[in-house]
Amino acid sequence: MAITNDRDAPLAAAADATIDTAAGEELAVPATKTVTAQMAAFALLAEAVASGPAPWDDAAWETLPGAIAETLA
């Protein structure tokens, strides 16, 4: 499983399955968009394959955009 911002990346080609975050091109050295999108993808993947309930609920997901906007303000 590869989680990548570029579906044509060598990592994606080597993986059996790929999640393409499509976060867009990074314009600076710190890959903030890519890292944030990958963390969200990891959380969604963990929720999907978990054997029990996830430690968060739909309400927690709904607060995420506002929390990110507040952090970046």
N, C-alpha and C. Protein backbone atom coordinates (compact mmCIF):
# COMPACT_ATOMS: atom_id res chain seq x y z
N MET A 1 0.85 -1.17 0.00
CA MET A 1 0.00 0.00 0.00
C MET A 1 0.90 1.23 0.00
N ALA A 2 0.70 2.08 -0.99
CA ALA A 2 1.43 3.34 -1.06
C ALA A 2 0.44 4.49 -0.95
N ILE A 3 0.76 5.45 -0.11
CA ILE A 3 -0.02 6.68 -0.03
C ILE A 3 0.89 7.77 -0.56
N THR A 4 0.52 8.34 -1.69
CA THR A 4 1.40 9.27 -2.37
C THR A 4 0.62 10.43 -2.98
N ASN A 5 1.30 11.51 -3.24
CA ASN A 5 0.71 12.67 -3.88
C ASN A 5 0.88 12.62 -5.40
N ASP A 6 1.52 11.57 -5.89
CA ASP A 6 1.79 11.44 -7.33
C ASP A 6 1.55 9.99 -7.74
N ARG A 7 0.47 9.74 -8.44
CA ARG A 7 0.15 8.35 -8.81
C ARG A 7 1.18 7.74 -9.73
N ASP A 8 2.03 8.55 -10.34
CA ASP A 8 3.08 8.04 -11.23
C ASP A 8 4.44 7.92 -10.52
N ALA A 9 4.48 8.13 -9.22
CA ALA A 9 5.73 8.05 -8.46
C ALA A 9 6.25 6.62 -8.44
N PRO A 10 7.58 6.43 -8.33
CA PRO A 10 8.14 5.09 -8.25
C PRO A 10 7.54 4.26 -7.09
N LEU A 11 7.25 4.90 -5.97
CA LEU A 11 6.64 4.20 -4.84
C LEU A 11 5.28 3.64 -5.23
N ALA A 12 4.48 4.42 -5.93
CA ALA A 12 3.17 3.95 -6.38
C ALA A 12 3.30 2.79 -7.35
N ALA A 13 4.28 2.86 -8.23
CA ALA A 13 4.49 1.78 -9.20
C ALA A 13 4.91 0.48 -8.52
N ALA A 14 5.64 0.58 -7.42
CA ALA A 14 6.12 -0.60 -6.73
C ALA A 14 5.08 -1.23 -5.81
N ALA A 15 4.03 -0.50 -5.50
CA ALA A 15 3.02 -0.97 -4.55
C ALA A 15 1.94 -1.79 -5.23
N ASP A 16 1.32 -2.68 -4.45
CA ASP A 16 0.19 -3.46 -4.95
C ASP A 16 -1.07 -2.60 -5.04
N ALA A 17 -1.18 -1.61 -4.18
CA ALA A 17 -2.32 -0.70 -4.18
C ALA A 17 -1.82 0.69 -3.82
N THR A 18 -2.50 1.71 -4.33
CA THR A 18 -2.08 3.08 -4.11
C THR A 18 -3.27 3.96 -3.73
N ILE A 19 -3.06 4.83 -2.77
CA ILE A 19 -4.00 5.90 -2.47
C ILE A 19 -3.33 7.18 -2.93
N ASP A 20 -3.92 7.81 -3.95
CA ASP A 20 -3.39 9.07 -4.49
C ASP A 20 -4.10 10.22 -3.79
N THR A 21 -3.37 11.00 -3.00
CA THR A 21 -4.00 12.08 -2.24
C THR A 21 -4.37 13.26 -3.12
N ALA A 22 -3.74 13.41 -4.27
CA ALA A 22 -4.03 14.50 -5.21
C ALA A 22 -4.02 15.87 -4.52
N ALA A 23 -3.06 16.06 -3.62
CA ALA A 23 -2.97 17.31 -2.87
C ALA A 23 -2.46 18.47 -3.71
N GLY A 24 -1.91 18.17 -4.85
CA GLY A 24 -1.40 19.23 -5.72
C GLY A 24 0.09 19.41 -5.56
N GLU A 25 0.67 20.15 -6.49
CA GLU A 25 2.11 20.38 -6.51
C GLU A 25 2.54 21.21 -5.31
N GLU A 26 3.63 20.79 -4.68
CA GLU A 26 4.20 21.56 -3.57
C GLU A 26 5.02 22.70 -4.16
N LEU A 27 4.88 23.87 -3.55
CA LEU A 27 5.59 25.04 -4.04
C LEU A 27 6.71 25.47 -3.10
N ALA A 28 6.95 24.71 -2.05
CA ALA A 28 8.00 25.02 -1.09
C ALA A 28 8.63 23.73 -0.62
N VAL A 29 9.78 23.84 0.03
CA VAL A 29 10.49 22.66 0.52
C VAL A 29 9.67 21.88 1.54
N PRO A 30 9.07 22.52 2.56
CA PRO A 30 8.24 21.75 3.49
C PRO A 30 6.96 21.32 2.77
N ALA A 31 6.77 20.04 2.64
CA ALA A 31 5.64 19.50 1.88
C ALA A 31 4.38 19.44 2.75
N THR A 32 3.90 20.60 3.19
CA THR A 32 2.80 20.68 4.13
C THR A 32 1.53 20.04 3.59
N LYS A 33 1.13 20.38 2.36
CA LYS A 33 -0.09 19.81 1.79
C LYS A 33 0.02 18.30 1.67
N THR A 34 1.15 17.83 1.20
CA THR A 34 1.34 16.40 1.01
C THR A 34 1.28 15.66 2.35
N VAL A 35 2.00 16.15 3.33
CA VAL A 35 2.03 15.49 4.64
C VAL A 35 0.64 15.49 5.28
N THR A 36 -0.06 16.61 5.22
CA THR A 36 -1.40 16.69 5.80
C THR A 36 -2.35 15.72 5.09
N ALA A 37 -2.32 15.69 3.78
CA ALA A 37 -3.18 14.78 3.02
C ALA A 37 -2.84 13.33 3.32
N GLN A 38 -1.55 13.01 3.46
CA GLN A 38 -1.14 11.64 3.76
C GLN A 38 -1.58 11.23 5.15
N MET A 39 -1.51 12.11 6.12
CA MET A 39 -1.97 11.78 7.48
C MET A 39 -3.47 11.51 7.49
N ALA A 40 -4.23 12.30 6.76
CA ALA A 40 -5.67 12.06 6.67
C ALA A 40 -5.94 10.72 5.98
N ALA A 41 -5.19 10.42 4.94
CA ALA A 41 -5.36 9.14 4.25
C ALA A 41 -5.01 7.97 5.17
N PHE A 42 -3.94 8.10 5.95
CA PHE A 42 -3.58 7.05 6.92
C PHE A 42 -4.70 6.84 7.93
N ALA A 43 -5.29 7.93 8.42
CA ALA A 43 -6.38 7.83 9.40
C ALA A 43 -7.58 7.13 8.78
N LEU A 44 -7.93 7.49 7.55
CA LEU A 44 -9.06 6.84 6.88
C LEU A 44 -8.78 5.37 6.63
N LEU A 45 -7.57 5.05 6.23
CA LEU A 45 -7.19 3.65 6.00
C LEU A 45 -7.25 2.87 7.31
N ALA A 46 -6.74 3.44 8.38
CA ALA A 46 -6.78 2.78 9.68
C ALA A 46 -8.21 2.53 10.12
N GLU A 47 -9.08 3.50 9.89
CA GLU A 47 -10.48 3.34 10.25
C GLU A 47 -11.12 2.22 9.43
N ALA A 48 -10.75 2.13 8.16
CA ALA A 48 -11.35 1.13 7.27
C ALA A 48 -10.92 -0.29 7.61
N VAL A 49 -9.69 -0.47 8.07
CA VAL A 49 -9.19 -1.82 8.32
C VAL A 49 -9.18 -2.20 9.81
N ALA A 50 -9.62 -1.31 10.65
CA ALA A 50 -9.61 -1.57 12.10
C ALA A 50 -10.54 -2.73 12.44
N SER A 51 -10.13 -3.54 13.39
CA SER A 51 -10.96 -4.65 13.83
C SER A 51 -12.02 -4.21 14.82
N GLY A 52 -11.83 -3.05 15.40
CA GLY A 52 -12.80 -2.51 16.35
C GLY A 52 -13.16 -1.10 15.94
N PRO A 53 -13.91 -0.42 16.78
CA PRO A 53 -14.28 0.96 16.44
C PRO A 53 -13.08 1.89 16.46
N ALA A 54 -13.10 2.86 15.58
CA ALA A 54 -12.02 3.86 15.54
C ALA A 54 -12.12 4.75 16.78
N PRO A 55 -11.00 5.33 17.19
CA PRO A 55 -11.02 6.20 18.37
C PRO A 55 -11.59 7.58 18.07
N TRP A 56 -12.20 7.77 16.93
CA TRP A 56 -12.83 9.03 16.58
C TRP A 56 -14.16 8.70 15.89
N ASP A 57 -15.03 9.68 15.79
CA ASP A 57 -16.34 9.48 15.18
C ASP A 57 -16.56 10.52 14.08
N ASP A 58 -17.73 10.49 13.46
CA ASP A 58 -18.02 11.42 12.38
C ASP A 58 -17.94 12.87 12.83
N ALA A 59 -18.36 13.13 14.07
CA ALA A 59 -18.31 14.50 14.59
C ALA A 59 -16.86 15.00 14.64
N ALA A 60 -15.93 14.13 14.98
CA ALA A 60 -14.51 14.52 15.02
C ALA A 60 -14.02 14.87 13.61
N TRP A 61 -14.43 14.09 12.60
CA TRP A 61 -14.04 14.39 11.22
C TRP A 61 -14.59 15.74 10.79
N GLU A 62 -15.81 16.06 11.22
CA GLU A 62 -16.45 17.31 10.81
C GLU A 62 -15.75 18.54 11.39
N THR A 63 -15.06 18.38 12.52
CA THR A 63 -14.34 19.51 13.12
C THR A 63 -12.98 19.75 12.47
N LEU A 64 -12.50 18.79 11.71
CA LEU A 64 -11.15 18.87 11.16
C LEU A 64 -10.91 20.09 10.26
N PRO A 65 -11.76 20.39 9.28
CA PRO A 65 -11.47 21.57 8.43
C PRO A 65 -11.35 22.86 9.23
N GLY A 66 -12.23 23.06 10.20
CA GLY A 66 -12.17 24.28 11.02
C GLY A 66 -10.91 24.34 11.85
N ALA A 67 -10.51 23.18 12.41
CA ALA A 67 -9.29 23.13 13.22
C ALA A 67 -8.06 23.44 12.37
N ILE A 68 -8.04 22.93 11.17
CA ILE A 68 -6.90 23.20 10.27
C ILE A 68 -6.88 24.67 9.89
N ALA A 69 -8.04 25.23 9.55
CA ALA A 69 -8.11 26.65 9.19
C ALA A 69 -7.65 27.53 10.34
N GLU A 70 -8.05 27.18 11.56
CA GLU A 70 -7.65 27.95 12.74
C GLU A 70 -6.13 27.87 12.97
N THR A 71 -5.59 26.69 12.78
CA THR A 71 -4.15 26.50 12.97
C THR A 71 -3.36 27.30 11.95
N LEU A 72 -3.83 27.33 10.72
CA LEU A 72 -3.11 28.02 9.65
C LEU A 72 -3.34 29.53 9.64
N ALA A 73 -4.32 30.02 10.39
CA ALA A 73 -4.63 31.46 10.41
C ALA A 73 -3.57 32.27 11.11
